[in-house]
Amino acid sequence: MPNIRAVRLPSDGNIERGEAVKITINGVIANAYEGESVAGAMMCEGISAMRTTVAGDPRGVFCGMGVCFECLVSVDGITNTRACMTWVKEGMEIRTQNGLQVDK
């Protein structure tokens, strides 16, 4: 049987976060922290629908590990970026997508 170790929160309940950064989500400046994913930052801002299907159905984080491609967004002009696999950085510009985007 493998050695399984439980992860415990600090006794005071405080979790340290990375440095605070400013990002832009759909034209609105938002706060995020280094070490957070784009998906996490978007959900903290109340955005759960990160893209829509061609038919207009909302899609967001499903697997959270980059397998399903449901959380595709545009990051700094690069479309079809997996929000769950992309870490925030200072000045990042994020936009939700309508359908699958094809770069020309």
Protein backbone atom coordinates (compact mmCIF):
# COMPACT_ATOMS: atom_id res chain seq x y z
CA MET A 1 0.00 0.00 0.00
CA PRO A 2 1.42 3.45 -0.92
CA ASN A 3 2.35 5.95 1.75
CA ILE A 4 -0.45 8.56 1.61
CA ARG A 5 0.11 11.87 3.36
CA ALA A 6 -2.77 14.15 4.36
CA VAL A 7 -2.47 17.80 3.40
CA ARG A 8 -3.30 20.11 6.30
CA LEU A 9 -4.07 23.79 6.40
CA PRO A 10 -2.04 26.00 8.70
CA SER A 11 -3.44 25.96 12.24
CA ASP A 12 -4.47 29.61 11.96
CA GLY A 13 -6.45 28.88 8.77
CA ASN A 14 -4.48 31.39 6.70
CA ILE A 15 -3.16 30.29 3.34
CA GLU A 16 -0.34 32.28 1.76
CA ARG A 17 -1.00 33.49 -1.76
CA GLY A 18 1.38 34.62 -4.46
CA GLU A 19 2.04 38.23 -5.36
CA ALA A 20 -1.04 40.26 -6.30
CA VAL A 21 -1.33 41.05 -10.02
CA LYS A 22 -3.78 43.00 -12.15
CA ILE A 23 -5.39 41.24 -15.10
CA THR A 24 -8.14 42.24 -17.49
CA ILE A 25 -11.14 39.98 -18.06
CA ASN A 26 -13.47 41.03 -20.89
CA GLY A 27 -12.22 44.61 -20.57
CA VAL A 28 -12.63 44.83 -16.78
CA ILE A 29 -9.58 45.09 -14.50
CA ALA A 30 -9.50 42.32 -11.90
CA ASN A 31 -7.21 41.22 -9.08
CA ALA A 32 -5.51 37.84 -9.16
CA TYR A 33 -2.51 36.20 -7.51
CA GLU A 34 0.54 34.54 -9.01
CA GLY A 35 0.11 30.79 -8.80
CA GLU A 36 -3.60 30.91 -9.66
CA SER A 37 -4.96 29.61 -12.92
CA VAL A 38 -6.86 31.82 -15.32
CA ALA A 39 -9.90 29.62 -14.65
CA GLY A 40 -9.60 30.20 -10.89
CA ALA A 41 -9.24 33.94 -11.33
CA MET A 42 -12.27 34.06 -13.63
CA MET A 43 -14.39 32.05 -11.19
CA CYS A 44 -13.36 34.40 -8.35
CA GLU A 45 -14.73 37.23 -10.50
CA GLY A 46 -18.05 35.37 -10.90
CA ILE A 47 -17.42 34.20 -14.48
CA SER A 48 -18.25 30.51 -14.80
CA ALA A 49 -19.06 30.45 -18.54
CA MET A 50 -15.69 30.84 -20.23
CA ARG A 51 -16.88 30.09 -23.73
CA THR A 52 -19.97 29.09 -25.62
CA THR A 53 -20.51 26.38 -28.18
CA VAL A 54 -21.38 27.28 -31.76
CA ALA A 55 -25.02 26.77 -30.71
CA GLY A 56 -24.57 29.27 -27.84
CA ASP A 57 -24.49 26.81 -24.92
CA PRO A 58 -22.22 27.97 -22.05
CA ARG A 59 -19.09 26.01 -21.17
CA GLY A 60 -16.69 26.38 -18.26
CA VAL A 61 -14.33 24.32 -16.14
CA PHE A 62 -15.24 20.64 -16.33
CA CYS A 63 -12.16 18.52 -15.69
CA GLY A 64 -9.81 21.22 -14.35
CA MET A 65 -6.74 19.38 -15.68
CA GLY A 66 -6.59 20.26 -19.37
CA VAL A 67 -8.18 17.15 -20.83
CA CYS A 68 -11.69 18.28 -21.84
CA PHE A 69 -11.06 21.67 -23.55
CA GLU A 70 -14.31 23.13 -22.16
CA CYS A 71 -12.64 26.19 -20.60
CA LEU A 72 -11.14 27.70 -23.77
CA VAL A 73 -10.53 31.46 -23.62
CA SER A 74 -8.43 34.04 -25.43
CA VAL A 75 -5.31 35.05 -23.49
CA ASP A 76 -3.29 37.99 -24.78
CA GLY A 77 -4.84 37.47 -28.21
CA ILE A 78 -4.12 33.73 -28.37
CA THR A 79 -7.44 31.95 -28.84
CA ASN A 80 -8.38 28.46 -27.64
CA THR A 81 -6.18 28.69 -24.53
CA ARG A 82 -7.12 26.29 -21.73
CA ALA A 83 -7.96 28.51 -18.74
CA CYS A 84 -7.40 25.69 -16.25
CA MET A 85 -3.82 25.13 -17.47
CA THR A 86 -2.70 28.77 -17.80
CA TRP A 87 -1.23 30.70 -14.87
CA VAL A 88 -2.10 34.37 -14.42
CA LYS A 89 0.58 37.02 -14.83
CA GLU A 90 0.66 40.79 -14.49
CA GLY A 91 -1.17 42.62 -17.28
CA MET A 92 -2.68 39.52 -18.86
CA GLU A 93 -5.73 40.18 -21.05
CA ILE A 94 -8.36 37.44 -20.99
CA ARG A 95 -11.52 37.24 -23.09
CA THR A 96 -14.30 34.69 -23.14
CA GLN A 97 -14.92 33.01 -26.49
CA ASN A 98 -17.99 32.37 -28.60
CA GLY A 99 -17.55 28.98 -30.21
CA LEU A 100 -14.23 27.48 -31.25
CA GLN A 101 -12.00 30.20 -32.68
CA VAL A 102 -9.94 29.56 -35.79
CA ASP A 103 -6.87 31.77 -36.16
CA LYS A 104 -6.32 33.00 -39.69
